[in-house]
C-alpha atoms as a PDB file:
ATOM      1  CA  MET A   1     -57.577  73.907 118.310  1.00  0.00           C
ATOM      2  CA  VAL A   2     -60.356  74.078 120.849  1.00  0.00           C
ATOM      3  CA  ARG A   3     -59.927  72.710 124.464  1.00  0.00           C
ATOM      4  CA  GLY A   4     -62.524  71.016 126.422  1.00  0.00           C
ATOM      5  CA  ASN A   5     -65.709  69.609 125.333  1.00  0.00           C
ATOM      6  CA  LEU A   6     -68.260  72.393 125.803  1.00  0.00           C
ATOM      7  CA  ARG A   7     -71.376  72.018 123.488  1.00  0.00           C
ATOM      8  CA  GLY A   8     -74.727  73.317 122.981  1.00  0.00           C
ATOM      9  CA  SER A   9     -76.062  76.040 125.442  1.00  0.00           C
ATOM     10  CA  ALA A  10     -72.962  75.737 127.562  1.00  0.00           C
ATOM     11  CA  LEU A  11     -70.685  76.538 124.683  1.00  0.00           C
ATOM     12  CA  ARG A  12     -73.030  79.435 123.528  1.00  0.00           C
ATOM     13  CA  GLY A  13     -73.092  80.818 127.003  1.00  0.00           C
ATOM     14  CA  ALA A  14     -69.324  80.729 127.404  1.00  0.00           C
ATOM     15  CA  LEU A  15     -68.976  82.465 124.082  1.00  0.00           C
ATOM     16  CA  ALA A  16     -71.610  85.147 124.988  1.00  0.00           C
ATOM     17  CA  ALA A  17     -69.899  85.660 128.312  1.00  0.00           C
ATOM     18  CA  ASN A  18     -66.431  86.043 126.774  1.00  0.00           C
ATOM     19  CA  CYS A  19     -67.745  88.658 124.260  1.00  0.00           C
ATOM     20  CA  GLY A  20     -69.733  90.316 127.149  1.00  0.00           C
ATOM     21  CA  VAL A  21     -66.617  90.736 129.243  1.00  0.00           C
ATOM     22  CA  ALA A  22     -64.833  92.257 126.181  1.00  0.00           C
ATOM     23  CA  PHE A  23     -67.774  94.804 125.855  1.00  0.00           C
ATOM     24  CA  LEU A  24     -67.719  95.482 129.585  1.00  0.00           C
ATOM     25  CA  LEU A  25     -63.958  96.212 129.286  1.00  0.00           C
ATOM     26  CA  PHE A  26     -64.428  98.631 126.450  1.00  0.00           C
ATOM     27  CA  GLY A  27     -66.874 100.673 128.457  1.00  0.00           C
ATOM     28  CA  TYR A  28     -64.615 100.499 131.579  1.00  0.00           C
ATOM     29  CA  ASP A  29     -61.446 101.581 129.717  1.00  0.00           C
ATOM     30  CA  GLN A  30     -63.337 104.499 128.282  1.00  0.00           C
ATOM     31  CA  GLY A  31     -63.974 105.938 131.683  1.00  0.00           C
ATOM     32  CA  VAL A  32     -61.215 104.850 134.004  1.00  0.00           C
ATOM     33  CA  LEU A  33     -58.860 107.767 133.384  1.00  0.00           C
ATOM     34  CA  GLY A  34     -61.514 110.344 133.996  1.00  0.00           C
ATOM     35  CA  ALA A  35     -62.128 108.683 137.364  1.00  0.00           C
ATOM     36  CA  VAL A  36     -58.479 109.037 138.524  1.00  0.00           C
ATOM     37  CA  ILE A  37     -56.992 112.080 136.649  1.00  0.00           C
ATOM     38  CA  SER A  38     -58.190 114.500 139.349  1.00  0.00           C
ATOM     39  CA  LEU A  39     -56.705 112.395 142.305  1.00  0.00           C
ATOM     40  CA  PRO A  40     -54.013 114.293 144.144  1.00  0.00           C
ATOM     41  CA  SER A  41     -51.772 111.218 143.943  1.00  0.00           C
ATOM     42  CA  PHE A  42     -52.088 111.095 140.166  1.00  0.00           C
ATOM     43  CA  ARG A  43     -51.453 114.880 139.734  1.00  0.00           C
ATOM     44  CA  ARG A  44     -48.349 114.610 142.007  1.00  0.00           C
ATOM     45  CA  GLU A  45     -47.031 111.593 140.146  1.00  0.00           C
ATOM     46  CA  PHE A  46     -47.209 113.450 136.825  1.00  0.00           C
ATOM     47  CA  ASN A  47     -46.096 116.842 138.033  1.00  0.00           C
ATOM     48  CA  ASN A  48     -49.566 118.500 137.963  1.00  0.00           C
ATOM     49  CA  PRO A  49     -50.384 118.273 134.379  1.00  0.00           C
ATOM     50  CA  ASP A  50     -52.024 121.329 132.829  1.00  0.00           C
ATOM     51  CA  ARG A  51     -55.337 121.059 130.916  1.00  0.00           C
ATOM     52  CA  ASN A  52     -53.768 120.609 127.630  1.00  0.00           C
ATOM     53  CA  LEU A  53     -51.566 117.618 128.791  1.00  0.00           C
ATOM     54  CA  GLU A  54     -54.619 116.258 130.530  1.00  0.00           C
ATOM     55  CA  GLY A  55     -56.560 116.385 127.346  1.00  0.00           C
ATOM     56  CA  ILE A  56     -53.669 114.612 125.453  1.00  0.00           C
ATOM     57  CA  ILE A  57     -53.482 111.788 128.065  1.00  0.00           C
ATOM     58  CA  ALA A  58     -57.188 111.355 128.016  1.00  0.00           C
ATOM     59  CA  SER A  59     -57.914 111.620 124.267  1.00  0.00           C
ATOM     60  CA  ILE A  60     -54.743 109.688 122.945  1.00  0.00           C
ATOM     61  CA  TYR A  61     -56.410 106.484 124.020  1.00  0.00           C
ATOM     62  CA  ASP A  62     -59.169 107.012 121.236  1.00  0.00           C
ATOM     63  CA  ILE A  63     -56.382 107.631 118.718  1.00  0.00           C
ATOM     64  CA  GLY A  64     -55.045 104.220 119.630  1.00  0.00           C
ATOM     65  CA  CYS A  65     -58.505 102.715 119.300  1.00  0.00           C
ATOM     66  CA  LEU A  66     -58.742 104.134 115.883  1.00  0.00           C
ATOM     67  CA  VAL A  67     -55.420 102.597 114.798  1.00  0.00           C
ATOM     68  CA  GLY A  68     -56.456  99.197 116.374  1.00  0.00           C
ATOM     69  CA  ALA A  69     -59.712  99.313 114.438  1.00  0.00           C
ATOM     70  CA  ILE A  70     -57.936  99.827 111.250  1.00  0.00           C
ATOM     71  CA  LEU A  71     -55.399  97.018 112.055  1.00  0.00           C
ATOM     72  CA  ALA A  72     -58.323  94.759 112.700  1.00  0.00           C
ATOM     73  CA  PHE A  73     -59.258  94.836 109.095  1.00  0.00           C
ATOM     74  CA  LEU A  74     -55.803  93.402 108.416  1.00  0.00           C
ATOM     75  CA  THR A  75     -55.877  90.758 111.156  1.00  0.00           C
ATOM     76  CA  ALA A  76     -59.444  89.515 111.130  1.00  0.00           C
ATOM     77  CA  ASP A  77     -59.184  87.585 107.844  1.00  0.00           C
ATOM     78  CA  ARG A  78     -55.548  86.529 108.409  1.00  0.00           C
ATOM     79  CA  PHE A  79     -55.782  85.232 111.949  1.00  0.00           C
ATOM     80  CA  GLY A  80     -59.466  84.659 112.362  1.00  0.00           C
ATOM     81  CA  ARG A  81     -61.954  86.445 114.582  1.00  0.00           C
ATOM     82  CA  LYS A  82     -60.783  84.490 117.758  1.00  0.00           C
ATOM     83  CA  GLY A  83     -57.311  84.843 116.837  1.00  0.00           C
ATOM     84  CA  SER A  84     -57.551  88.524 116.365  1.00  0.00           C
ATOM     85  CA  VAL A  85     -59.264  88.834 119.816  1.00  0.00           C
ATOM     86  CA  ASN A  86     -56.408  86.998 121.233  1.00  0.00           C
ATOM     87  CA  VAL A  87     -53.874  89.301 119.624  1.00  0.00           C
ATOM     88  CA  GLY A  88     -55.831  92.400 120.751  1.00  0.00           C
ATOM     89  CA  THR A  89     -56.116  91.299 124.243  1.00  0.00           C
ATOM     90  CA  TRP A  90     -52.399  90.456 124.627  1.00  0.00           C
ATOM     91  CA  ILE A  91     -51.696  93.977 123.310  1.00  0.00           C
ATOM     92  CA  MET A  92     -53.966  95.285 126.120  1.00  0.00           C
ATOM     93  CA  VAL A  93     -51.978  93.131 128.658  1.00  0.00           C
ATOM     94  CA  VAL A  94     -48.890  95.159 127.636  1.00  0.00           C
ATOM     95  CA  GLY A  95     -50.706  98.494 127.734  1.00  0.00           C
ATOM     96  CA  THR A  96     -52.238  97.782 131.131  1.00  0.00           C
ATOM     97  CA  ILE A  97     -48.918  96.904 132.741  1.00  0.00           C
ATOM     98  CA  LEU A  98     -47.349 100.081 131.208  1.00  0.00           C
ATOM     99  CA  GLN A  99     -50.184 102.224 132.430  1.00  0.00           C
ATOM    100  CA  THR A 100     -50.217 100.815 135.915  1.00  0.00           C
ATOM    101  CA  SER A 101     -46.370 101.312 136.362  1.00  0.00           C
ATOM    102  CA  ALA A 102     -46.251 104.746 134.657  1.00  0.00           C
ATOM    103  CA  THR A 103     -44.056 107.348 136.444  1.00  0.00           C
ATOM    104  CA  GLU A 104     -43.649 109.784 133.625  1.00  0.00           C
ATOM    105  CA  ASN A 105     -46.093 111.571 131.247  1.00  0.00           C
ATOM    106  CA  ILE A 106     -44.607 110.036 128.168  1.00  0.00           C
ATOM    107  CA  GLN A 107     -44.992 106.484 129.594  1.00  0.00           C
ATOM    108  CA  MET A 108     -48.574 107.206 130.379  1.00  0.00           C
ATOM    109  CA  ILE A 109     -49.274 108.536 126.959  1.00  0.00           C
ATOM    110  CA  LEU A 110     -47.594 105.715 125.141  1.00  0.00           C
ATOM    111  CA  SER A 111     -49.279 103.108 127.268  1.00  0.00           C
ATOM    112  CA  ARG A 112     -52.663 104.666 126.581  1.00  0.00           C
ATOM    113  CA  VAL A 113     -52.016 104.336 122.863  1.00  0.00           C
ATOM    114  CA  VAL A 114     -51.053 100.725 123.205  1.00  0.00           C
ATOM    115  CA  THR A 115     -54.123  99.846 125.270  1.00  0.00           C
ATOM    116  CA  GLY A 116     -56.266 101.680 122.835  1.00  0.00           C
ATOM    117  CA  ILE A 117     -54.812  99.658 119.871  1.00  0.00           C
ATOM    118  CA  GLY A 118     -55.680  96.443 121.655  1.00  0.00           C
ATOM    119  CA  ASN A 119     -59.145  97.532 122.511  1.00  0.00           C
ATOM    120  CA  GLY A 120     -59.704  98.952 119.144  1.00  0.00           C
ATOM    121  CA  MET A 121     -58.904  95.647 117.603  1.00  0.00           C
ATOM    122  CA  ASN A 122     -61.338  93.873 119.983  1.00  0.00           C
ATOM    123  CA  THR A 123     -64.073  96.355 119.389  1.00  0.00           C
ATOM    124  CA  VAL A 124     -64.023  95.377 115.765  1.00  0.00           C
ATOM    125  CA  ASN A 125     -63.526  91.669 116.005  1.00  0.00           C
ATOM    126  CA  VAL A 126     -65.596  90.692 119.026  1.00  0.00           C
ATOM    127  CA  PRO A 127     -69.008  91.737 117.476  1.00  0.00           C
ATOM    128  CA  ILE A 128     -68.129  89.991 114.207  1.00  0.00           C
ATOM    129  CA  TRP A 129     -67.048  86.785 116.065  1.00  0.00           C
ATOM    130  CA  GLN A 130     -70.287  86.880 118.042  1.00  0.00           C
ATOM    131  CA  ALA A 131     -72.563  87.525 115.166  1.00  0.00           C
ATOM    132  CA  GLU A 132     -70.959  84.909 112.955  1.00  0.00           C
ATOM    133  CA  SER A 133     -71.207  82.192 115.819  1.00  0.00           C
ATOM    134  CA  PHE A 134     -74.933  82.757 116.668  1.00  0.00           C
ATOM    135  CA  LYS A 135     -78.105  82.138 114.784  1.00  0.00           C
ATOM    136  CA  SER A 136     -79.682  85.282 113.370  1.00  0.00           C
ATOM    137  CA  HIS A 137     -82.692  85.281 115.693  1.00  0.00           C
ATOM    138  CA  ASN A 138     -80.325  85.624 118.690  1.00  0.00           C
ATOM    139  CA  ARG A 139     -78.330  88.531 117.292  1.00  0.00           C
ATOM    140  CA  GLY A 140     -80.865  91.376 118.211  1.00  0.00           C
ATOM    141  CA  ALA A 141     -80.777  90.381 121.942  1.00  0.00           C
ATOM    142  CA  LEU A 142     -77.053  90.018 121.901  1.00  0.00           C
ATOM    143  CA  LEU A 143     -76.803  93.618 120.441  1.00  0.00           C
ATOM    144  CA  ILE A 144     -78.955  94.993 123.260  1.00  0.00           C
ATOM    145  CA  ILE A 145     -76.826  93.129 125.978  1.00  0.00           C
ATOM    146  CA  GLN A 146     -73.594  94.340 124.146  1.00  0.00           C
ATOM    147  CA  SER A 147     -74.772  97.955 124.419  1.00  0.00           C
ATOM    148  CA  ALA A 148     -75.934  97.570 128.029  1.00  0.00           C
ATOM    149  CA  LEU A 149     -72.491  96.144 129.074  1.00  0.00           C
ATOM    150  CA  ILE A 150     -70.630  99.002 127.343  1.00  0.00           C
ATOM    151  CA  ALA A 151     -72.824 101.525 129.241  1.00  0.00           C
ATOM    152  CA  LEU A 152     -72.241  99.552 132.519  1.00  0.00           C
ATOM    153  CA  GLY A 153     -68.465  99.623 132.233  1.00  0.00           C
ATOM    154  CA  HIS A 154     -68.194 103.376 132.262  1.00  0.00           C
ATOM    155  CA  PRO A 155     -69.941 103.929 135.618  1.00  0.00           C
ATOM    156  CA  LEU A 156     -68.112 100.909 137.008  1.00  0.00           C
ATOM    157  CA  SER A 157     -64.801 102.616 136.384  1.00  0.00           C
ATOM    158  CA  THR A 158     -66.172 105.738 138.006  1.00  0.00           C
ATOM    159  CA  PHE A 159     -67.257 103.978 141.207  1.00  0.00           C
ATOM    160  CA  MET A 160     -63.823 102.219 141.234  1.00  0.00           C
ATOM    161  CA  GLY A 161     -62.121 105.551 141.189  1.00  0.00           C
ATOM    162  CA  LEU A 162     -64.391 106.885 143.780  1.00  0.00           C
ATOM    163  CA  ALA A 163     -63.620 103.879 146.131  1.00  0.00           C
ATOM    164  CA  SER A 164     -59.908 104.192 145.493  1.00  0.00           C
ATOM    165  CA  ARG A 165     -59.853 107.705 146.915  1.00  0.00           C
ATOM    166  CA  GLN A 166     -59.790 106.034 150.267  1.00  0.00           C
ATOM    167  CA  ALA A 167     -56.136 105.111 149.484  1.00  0.00           C
ATOM    168  CA  GLU A 168     -54.927 108.660 149.196  1.00  0.00           C
ATOM    169  CA  PRO A 169     -52.189 109.910 149.352  1.00  0.00           C
ATOM    170  CA  SER A 170     -50.785 106.562 148.143  1.00  0.00           C
ATOM    171  CA  SER A 171     -50.333 106.055 144.371  1.00  0.00           C
ATOM    172  CA  PHE A 172     -52.458 102.892 144.847  1.00  0.00           C
ATOM    173  CA  GLY A 173     -55.460 105.215 144.649  1.00  0.00           C
ATOM    174  CA  TRP A 174     -54.993 105.778 140.894  1.00  0.00           C
ATOM    175  CA  ARG A 175     -53.036 102.643 139.970  1.00  0.00           C
ATOM    176  CA  TRP A 176     -55.657 100.099 141.157  1.00  0.00           C
ATOM    177  CA  PRO A 177     -58.509 101.357 138.954  1.00  0.00           C
ATOM    178  CA  ILE A 178     -56.239 101.182 136.014  1.00  0.00           C
ATOM    179  CA  ALA A 179     -54.873  97.809 136.959  1.00  0.00           C
ATOM    180  CA  PHE A 180     -58.403  96.460 137.582  1.00  0.00           C
ATOM    181  CA  GLN A 181     -59.037  96.145 133.806  1.00  0.00           C
ATOM    182  CA  GLY A 182     -56.512  93.255 134.027  1.00  0.00           C
ATOM    183  CA  VAL A 183     -59.337  91.327 135.691  1.00  0.00           C
ATOM    184  CA  PHE A 184     -61.534  91.497 132.534  1.00  0.00           C
ATOM    185  CA  ILE A 185     -58.388  90.744 130.408  1.00  0.00           C
ATOM    186  CA  VAL A 186     -57.441  87.656 132.326  1.00  0.00           C
ATOM    187  CA  LEU A 187     -61.072  86.368 131.987  1.00  0.00           C
ATOM    188  CA  ILE A 188     -61.012  86.782 128.298  1.00  0.00           C
ATOM    189  CA  LEU A 189     -57.625  85.055 127.930  1.00  0.00           C
ATOM    190  CA  LEU A 190     -58.521  82.167 130.198  1.00  0.00           C
ATOM    191  CA  THR A 191     -61.721  81.399 128.318  1.00  0.00           C
ATOM    192  CA  LEU A 192     -60.476  81.967 124.740  1.00  0.00           C
ATOM    193  CA  PRO A 193     -58.882  78.320 124.413  1.00  0.00           C
ATOM    194  CA  PHE A 194     -62.221  76.669 125.111  1.00  0.00           C
ATOM    195  CA  LEU A 195     -64.144  78.615 122.439  1.00  0.00           C
ATOM    196  CA  PRO A 196     -64.236  77.891 118.713  1.00  0.00           C
ATOM    197  CA  GLU A 197     -63.332  80.050 115.791  1.00  0.00           C
ATOM    198  CA  SER A 198     -66.136  81.672 113.823  1.00  0.00           C
ATOM    199  CA  PRO A 199     -67.563  78.899 111.406  1.00  0.00           C
ATOM    200  CA  ARG A 200     -68.082  81.600 108.694  1.00  0.00           C
ATOM    201  CA  TRP A 201     -64.466  82.424 108.762  1.00  0.00           C
ATOM    202  CA  LEU A 202     -63.531  78.690 108.654  1.00  0.00           C
ATOM    203  CA  VAL A 203     -65.769  78.275 105.550  1.00  0.00           C
ATOM    204  CA  GLN A 204     -64.216  81.357 103.883  1.00  0.00           C
ATOM    205  CA  HIS A 205     -60.772  79.691 104.239  1.00  0.00           C
ATOM    206  CA  GLY A 206     -61.961  76.370 102.913  1.00  0.00           C
ATOM    207  CA  ARG A 207     -61.834  74.533 106.296  1.00  0.00           C
ATOM    208  CA  LEU A 208     -65.222  72.924 105.877  1.00  0.00           C
ATOM    209  CA  ASP A 209     -64.687  70.012 108.178  1.00  0.00           C
ATOM    210  CA  GLU A 210     -63.774  72.345 111.021  1.00  0.00           C
ATOM    211  CA  ALA A 211     -66.672  74.621 110.235  1.00  0.00           C
ATOM    212  CA  THR A 212     -69.100  71.624 110.349  1.00  0.00           C
ATOM    213  CA  ASP A 213     -67.652  70.568 113.645  1.00  0.00           C
ATOM    214  CA  VAL A 214     -68.235  74.014 115.137  1.00  0.00           C
ATOM    215  CA  PHE A 215     -71.789  74.161 113.883  1.00  0.00           C
ATOM    216  CA  ALA A 216     -72.426  70.836 115.522  1.00  0.00           C
ATOM    217  CA  ARG A 217     -70.866  71.959 118.745  1.00  0.00           C
ATOM    218  CA  LEU A 218     -72.926  75.171 118.831  1.00  0.00           C
ATOM    219  CA  GLY A 219     -75.995  73.197 117.799  1.00  0.00           C
ATOM    220  CA  GLY A 220     -76.425  71.113 120.959  1.00  0.00           C
ATOM    221  CA  LYS A 221     -75.151  68.101 123.015  1.00  0.00           C
ATOM    222  CA  GLN A 222     -76.856  65.654 120.655  1.00  0.00           C
ATOM    223  CA  ALA A 223     -75.953  67.317 117.329  1.00  0.00           C
ATOM    224  CA  THR A 224     -73.521  65.592 115.125  1.00  0.00           C
ATOM    225  CA  ILE A 225     -71.657  66.580 111.991  1.00  0.00           C
ATOM    226  CA  GLN A 226     -74.062  64.281 110.034  1.00  0.00           C
ATOM    227  CA  ASP A 227     -77.281  65.902 111.218  1.00  0.00           C
ATOM    228  CA  PRO A 228     -79.287  67.357 108.283  1.00  0.00           C
ATOM    229  CA  ALA A 229     -79.973  70.522 110.186  1.00  0.00           C
ATOM    230  CA  ILE A 230     -76.211  71.121 110.803  1.00  0.00           C
ATOM    231  CA  LEU A 231     -75.290  70.326 107.230  1.00  0.00           C
ATOM    232  CA  ARG A 232     -78.096  72.678 105.937  1.00  0.00           C
ATOM    233  CA  GLU A 233     -76.744  75.473 108.107  1.00  0.00           C
ATOM    234  CA  ARG A 234     -73.301  74.963 106.814  1.00  0.00           C
ATOM    235  CA  ASP A 235     -74.401  74.886 103.339  1.00  0.00           C
ATOM    236  CA  GLU A 236     -76.264  78.144 103.731  1.00  0.00           C
ATOM    237  CA  VAL A 237     -73.075  79.783 104.865  1.00  0.00           C
ATOM    238  CA  ILE A 238     -71.091  78.235 102.073  1.00  0.00           C
ATOM    239  CA  ALA A 239     -73.719  79.622  99.566  1.00  0.00           C
ATOM    240  CA  SER A 240     -73.561  83.053 101.185  1.00  0.00           C
ATOM    241  CA  VAL A 241     -69.735  83.108 101.083  1.00  0.00           C
ATOM    242  CA  GLU A 242     -69.851  82.065  97.374  1.00  0.00           C
ATOM    243  CA  GLU A 243     -72.345  84.789  96.542  1.00  0.00           C
ATOM    244  CA  GLU A 244     -70.193  87.432  98.264  1.00  0.00           C
ATOM    245  CA  ARG A 245     -67.244  86.311  96.225  1.00  0.00           C
ATOM    246  CA  SER A 246     -69.231  86.479  92.975  1.00  0.00           C
ATOM    247  CA  LEU A 247     -70.170  90.094  93.666  1.00  0.00           C
ATOM    248  CA  GLY A 248     -66.471  90.947  94.046  1.00  0.00           C
ATOM    249  CA  GLU A 249     -64.762  93.292  96.418  1.00  0.00           C
ATOM    250  CA  ALA A 250     -66.871  96.090  97.910  1.00  0.00           C
ATOM    251  CA  SER A 251     -65.480  99.634  97.698  1.00  0.00           C
ATOM    252  CA  TRP A 252     -65.304 102.076 100.661  1.00  0.00           C
ATOM    253  CA  GLY A 253     -67.649 104.382  98.855  1.00  0.00           C
ATOM    254  CA  GLU A 254     -70.516 101.732  99.205  1.00  0.00           C
ATOM    255  CA  VAL A 255     -69.950 101.729 102.991  1.00  0.00           C
ATOM    256  CA  PHE A 256     -71.027 105.372 103.238  1.00  0.00           C
ATOM    257  CA  THR A 257     -73.898 105.469 100.711  1.00  0.00           C
ATOM    258  CA  GLU A 258     -77.432 104.430 101.472  1.00  0.00           C
ATOM    259  CA  GLY A 259     -78.500 102.362  98.361  1.00  0.00           C
ATOM    260  CA  LYS A 260     -80.985  99.635  98.449  1.00  0.00           C
ATOM    261  CA  ASN A 261     -79.182  97.812 101.215  1.00  0.00           C
ATOM    262  CA  ARG A 262     -79.228 100.918 103.403  1.00  0.00           C
ATOM    263  CA  ASN A 263     -75.499 100.614 104.110  1.00  0.00           C
ATOM    264  CA  LEU A 264     -75.081 104.041 105.674  1.00  0.00           C
ATOM    265  CA  SER A 265     -77.940 103.423 108.123  1.00  0.00           C
ATOM    266  CA  ARG A 266     -76.411 100.184 109.071  1.00  0.00           C
ATOM    267  CA  VAL A 267     -73.045 101.943 109.788  1.00  0.00           C
ATOM    268  CA  LEU A 268     -74.661 104.589 111.806  1.00  0.00           C
ATOM    269  CA  LEU A 269     -76.467 101.944 113.786  1.00  0.00           C
ATOM    270  CA  GLY A 270     -73.236 100.123 114.472  1.00  0.00           C
ATOM    271  CA  VAL A 271     -71.405 103.217 115.468  1.00  0.00           C
ATOM    272  CA  GLY A 272     -74.089 104.390 117.895  1.00  0.00           C
ATOM    273  CA  PRO A 273     -73.385 102.170 120.914  1.00  0.00           C
ATOM    274  CA  TYR A 274     -69.722 103.356 120.809  1.00  0.00           C
ATOM    275  CA  MET A 275     -70.322 106.971 120.637  1.00  0.00           C
END
């Protein structure tokens, strides 16, 4: 169920903003620990971790992201794109609270895994949700914005860590930059109820009336579910989904081979912004 009555450019803008905050959060979370791990208050809190332990605390987050990305394959079709983003973001709520309140190395390590799982799920689902909700001619510009926001998030976390040095020797100096990701999380959760599910996912699950309504709402303030342009857009997605089903399930081998569809090139292009 979608709250409110956003339509047209207002709805598309809200959806793009929600996805943009998620991309910004991904970049921020990648860099925030590096911004605080050298602070005296952090090192004192965790008994001056050696280089090996520092490496574990920092890198375990990416292991969580990997697990979350794998889980996203299971949740995206079951709960929908929007539903999966909601699940991933709530997992990040738990991870952020645990990180911010950490007083032991094991708590920090486990909380980094939890946060990574949530962000890994969102990293997979948010681009799919965005791509399936916008027309094809918008997707190139949105990809550029996505990459820019990821790149912006990292230095933002660095500057946050630099500013928080003023709070030394209080533990607020390292807890605040970690807690600040909660601002992005709250923005995502507050706007999600006003945004629609991916119309393509709705078509895939036979919810054609809902999909038609989403197409109309995204189409503009004057668009209705009877408009020929809206019905044509819905029918194109239906035909695309039916064609995919007729081809059968794709294998993992196809993902990593070039072929006529240049699948490997597409995978590498998608991976690039996250490296």
